[in-house]
Amino acid sequence: MTKAAEYRAMSDEQLELTHKEIIKQLFHLRVQSATERLETPSEIKKVKKDIARILTVRRERQLAAEKQQAPAAGNQGA
């Protein structure tokens, strides 16, 4: 299973907690990079991509929720 599929399988609360954890991880990686103790510089890039995946899944859910509400609001006026 790919990371995006794993994120889509999570609940909104789990996704939010994972997002916060990854943000903290990115902060620590940046500190390590600044102090020249980072062993794998590519790790920062991987963490940034994970953040982007999470934000994408959250946006997909937001758009889906808006799409479900739109037809209901459109039927009220008729």
N, C-alpha and C. Protein backbone atom coordinates (compact mmCIF):
# COMPACT_ATOMS: atom_id res chain seq x y z
N MET A 1 0.84 -1.18 0.00
CA MET A 1 0.00 0.00 0.00
C MET A 1 0.89 1.25 0.00
N THR A 2 0.52 2.19 -0.81
CA THR A 2 1.32 3.42 -0.89
C THR A 2 0.97 4.36 0.25
N LYS A 3 1.81 5.34 0.44
CA LYS A 3 1.60 6.31 1.52
C LYS A 3 0.27 7.03 1.34
N ALA A 4 -0.05 7.45 0.13
CA ALA A 4 -1.29 8.19 -0.09
C ALA A 4 -2.49 7.32 0.29
N ALA A 5 -2.45 6.07 -0.06
CA ALA A 5 -3.55 5.16 0.28
C ALA A 5 -3.63 4.98 1.79
N GLU A 6 -2.50 4.94 2.47
CA GLU A 6 -2.49 4.83 3.93
C GLU A 6 -3.13 6.07 4.55
N TYR A 7 -2.81 7.24 4.03
CA TYR A 7 -3.36 8.48 4.55
C TYR A 7 -4.86 8.55 4.29
N ARG A 8 -5.31 8.07 3.13
CA ARG A 8 -6.74 8.08 2.82
C ARG A 8 -7.52 7.15 3.73
N ALA A 9 -6.87 6.09 4.21
CA ALA A 9 -7.53 5.13 5.09
C ALA A 9 -7.67 5.66 6.52
N MET A 10 -6.94 6.70 6.86
CA MET A 10 -6.97 7.26 8.21
C MET A 10 -8.22 8.12 8.41
N SER A 11 -8.62 8.23 9.67
CA SER A 11 -9.72 9.15 10.01
C SER A 11 -9.15 10.57 10.02
N ASP A 12 -10.04 11.55 10.10
CA ASP A 12 -9.60 12.94 10.12
C ASP A 12 -8.71 13.23 11.33
N GLU A 13 -9.06 12.65 12.47
CA GLU A 13 -8.27 12.87 13.69
C GLU A 13 -6.88 12.25 13.56
N GLN A 14 -6.82 11.03 13.03
CA GLN A 14 -5.53 10.38 12.84
C GLN A 14 -4.67 11.16 11.86
N LEU A 15 -5.30 11.66 10.82
CA LEU A 15 -4.58 12.42 9.81
C LEU A 15 -4.01 13.70 10.41
N GLU A 16 -4.79 14.36 11.26
CA GLU A 16 -4.32 15.59 11.91
C GLU A 16 -3.14 15.30 12.84
N LEU A 17 -3.22 14.22 13.61
CA LEU A 17 -2.11 13.85 14.50
C LEU A 17 -0.86 13.50 13.71
N THR A 18 -1.03 12.76 12.63
CA THR A 18 0.11 12.40 11.79
C THR A 18 0.73 13.65 11.19
N HIS A 19 -0.10 14.58 10.77
CA HIS A 19 0.40 15.85 10.20
C HIS A 19 1.26 16.59 11.22
N LYS A 20 0.77 16.68 12.45
CA LYS A 20 1.52 17.37 13.49
C LYS A 20 2.85 16.66 13.79
N GLU A 21 2.84 15.34 13.81
CA GLU A 21 4.07 14.58 14.05
C GLU A 21 5.09 14.84 12.95
N ILE A 22 4.63 14.84 11.72
CA ILE A 22 5.54 15.02 10.59
C ILE A 22 6.09 16.44 10.57
N ILE A 23 5.29 17.42 10.97
CA ILE A 23 5.78 18.80 11.05
C ILE A 23 6.91 18.88 12.09
N LYS A 24 6.72 18.21 13.23
CA LYS A 24 7.76 18.18 14.26
C LYS A 24 9.02 17.49 13.73
N GLN A 25 8.82 16.40 13.01
CA GLN A 25 9.95 15.67 12.44
C GLN A 25 10.73 16.56 11.47
N LEU A 26 10.02 17.33 10.65
CA LEU A 26 10.68 18.24 9.71
C LEU A 26 11.48 19.30 10.47
N PHE A 27 10.91 19.81 11.55
CA PHE A 27 11.62 20.79 12.37
C PHE A 27 12.94 20.20 12.89
N HIS A 28 12.88 18.99 13.43
CA HIS A 28 14.09 18.35 13.96
C HIS A 28 15.12 18.09 12.86
N LEU A 29 14.64 17.71 11.69
CA LEU A 29 15.56 17.48 10.58
C LEU A 29 16.23 18.79 10.16
N ARG A 30 15.48 19.88 10.18
CA ARG A 30 16.06 21.18 9.82
C ARG A 30 17.09 21.62 10.85
N VAL A 31 16.83 21.34 12.12
CA VAL A 31 17.80 21.67 13.16
C VAL A 31 19.07 20.85 12.95
N GLN A 32 18.89 19.58 12.68
CA GLN A 32 20.06 18.72 12.43
C GLN A 32 20.83 19.20 11.21
N SER A 33 20.11 19.64 10.19
CA SER A 33 20.77 20.14 8.99
C SER A 33 21.57 21.40 9.29
N ALA A 34 21.01 22.27 10.11
CA ALA A 34 21.69 23.53 10.45
C ALA A 34 22.94 23.27 11.29
N THR A 35 22.92 22.23 12.11
CA THR A 35 24.07 21.92 12.95
C THR A 35 24.99 20.89 12.30
N GLU A 36 24.70 20.60 11.04
CA GLU A 36 25.51 19.68 10.23
C GLU A 36 25.59 18.29 10.84
N ARG A 37 24.52 17.82 11.43
CA ARG A 37 24.47 16.47 11.99
C ARG A 37 23.49 15.58 11.24
N LEU A 38 22.96 16.06 10.14
CA LEU A 38 21.99 15.30 9.37
C LEU A 38 22.72 14.28 8.51
N GLU A 39 22.40 13.00 8.74
CA GLU A 39 23.09 11.93 8.01
C GLU A 39 22.58 11.77 6.59
N THR A 40 21.26 11.89 6.41
CA THR A 40 20.68 11.73 5.08
C THR A 40 19.88 12.97 4.70
N PRO A 41 20.48 13.87 3.92
CA PRO A 41 19.79 15.10 3.53
C PRO A 41 18.50 14.85 2.74
N SER A 42 18.40 13.71 2.09
CA SER A 42 17.19 13.41 1.31
C SER A 42 15.98 13.17 2.22
N GLU A 43 16.22 12.97 3.49
CA GLU A 43 15.12 12.74 4.43
C GLU A 43 14.21 13.96 4.52
N ILE A 44 14.76 15.16 4.41
CA ILE A 44 13.95 16.38 4.45
C ILE A 44 12.97 16.38 3.28
N LYS A 45 13.46 16.01 2.11
CA LYS A 45 12.61 15.97 0.92
C LYS A 45 11.48 14.96 1.09
N LYS A 46 11.79 13.81 1.66
CA LYS A 46 10.78 12.77 1.88
C LYS A 46 9.70 13.25 2.85
N VAL A 47 10.11 13.94 3.90
CA VAL A 47 9.15 14.43 4.89
C VAL A 47 8.26 15.51 4.27
N LYS A 48 8.84 16.38 3.45
CA LYS A 48 8.04 17.42 2.79
C LYS A 48 7.00 16.79 1.87
N LYS A 49 7.36 15.72 1.19
CA LYS A 49 6.41 15.03 0.31
C LYS A 49 5.29 14.39 1.12
N ASP A 50 5.62 13.86 2.29
CA ASP A 50 4.59 13.29 3.16
C ASP A 50 3.61 14.38 3.60
N ILE A 51 4.13 15.55 3.94
CA ILE A 51 3.27 16.67 4.33
C ILE A 51 2.35 17.04 3.17
N ALA A 52 2.89 17.09 1.97
CA ALA A 52 2.08 17.42 0.80
C ALA A 52 1.00 16.36 0.57
N ARG A 53 1.34 15.10 0.77
CA ARG A 53 0.34 14.04 0.61
C ARG A 53 -0.81 14.20 1.60
N ILE A 54 -0.47 14.50 2.84
CA ILE A 54 -1.49 14.67 3.87
C ILE A 54 -2.38 15.86 3.55
N LEU A 55 -1.77 16.96 3.14
CA LEU A 55 -2.55 18.14 2.80
C LEU A 55 -3.45 17.87 1.59
N THR A 56 -2.98 17.07 0.65
CA THR A 56 -3.77 16.71 -0.52
C THR A 56 -4.99 15.89 -0.11
N VAL A 57 -4.79 14.92 0.76
CA VAL A 57 -5.90 14.08 1.22
C VAL A 57 -6.92 14.93 1.98
N ARG A 58 -6.44 15.84 2.82
CA ARG A 58 -7.35 16.72 3.56
C ARG A 58 -8.16 17.59 2.60
N ARG A 59 -7.52 18.11 1.56
CA ARG A 59 -8.21 18.95 0.57
C ARG A 59 -9.23 18.12 -0.21
N GLU A 60 -8.88 16.88 -0.57
CA GLU A 60 -9.82 16.01 -1.27
C GLU A 60 -11.08 15.80 -0.44
N ARG A 61 -10.90 15.57 0.85
CA ARG A 61 -12.04 15.36 1.75
C ARG A 61 -12.87 16.62 1.87
N GLN A 62 -12.20 17.77 1.92
CA GLN A 62 -12.92 19.04 2.02
C GLN A 62 -13.77 19.27 0.77
N LEU A 63 -13.20 19.01 -0.41
CA LEU A 63 -13.94 19.20 -1.65
C LEU A 63 -15.10 18.23 -1.77
N ALA A 64 -14.89 16.99 -1.32
CA ALA A 64 -15.96 15.99 -1.35
C ALA A 64 -17.11 16.41 -0.45
N ALA A 65 -16.80 16.95 0.72
CA ALA A 65 -17.83 17.41 1.65
C ALA A 65 -18.60 18.59 1.05
N GLU A 66 -17.89 19.50 0.41
CA GLU A 66 -18.54 20.65 -0.22
C GLU A 66 -19.44 20.20 -1.38
N LYS A 67 -18.99 19.19 -2.10
CA LYS A 67 -19.75 18.69 -3.24
C LYS A 67 -21.04 18.03 -2.77
N GLN A 68 -20.98 17.35 -1.63
CA GLN A 68 -22.18 16.71 -1.10
C GLN A 68 -23.17 17.74 -0.58
N GLN A 69 -22.69 18.85 -0.07
CA GLN A 69 -23.56 19.88 0.46
C GLN A 69 -24.18 20.73 -0.66
N ALA A 70 -23.48 20.88 -1.75
CA ALA A 70 -23.95 21.74 -2.83
C ALA A 70 -25.28 21.28 -3.44
N PRO A 71 -25.46 20.01 -3.81
CA PRO A 71 -26.76 19.59 -4.37
C PRO A 71 -27.91 19.77 -3.36
N ALA A 72 -27.65 19.56 -2.08
CA ALA A 72 -28.69 19.72 -1.07
C ALA A 72 -29.11 21.18 -0.99
N ALA A 73 -28.17 22.07 -1.09
CA ALA A 73 -28.49 23.50 -1.03
C ALA A 73 -29.20 23.95 -2.30
N GLY A 74 -28.88 23.35 -3.43
CA GLY A 74 -29.50 23.70 -4.70
C GLY A 74 -30.95 23.26 -4.78
N ASN A 75 -31.35 22.20 -4.12
CA ASN A 75 -32.71 21.69 -4.15
C ASN A 75 -33.66 22.50 -3.28
N GLN A 76 -33.15 23.25 -2.35
CA GLN A 76 -34.00 24.01 -1.44
C GLN A 76 -34.70 25.16 -2.15
N GLY A 77 -34.06 25.73 -3.14
CA GLY A 77 -34.62 26.88 -3.83
C GLY A 77 -35.73 26.52 -4.82
N ALA A 78 -35.86 25.28 -5.20
CA ALA A 78 -36.85 24.86 -6.21
C ALA A 78 -38.18 24.51 -5.64
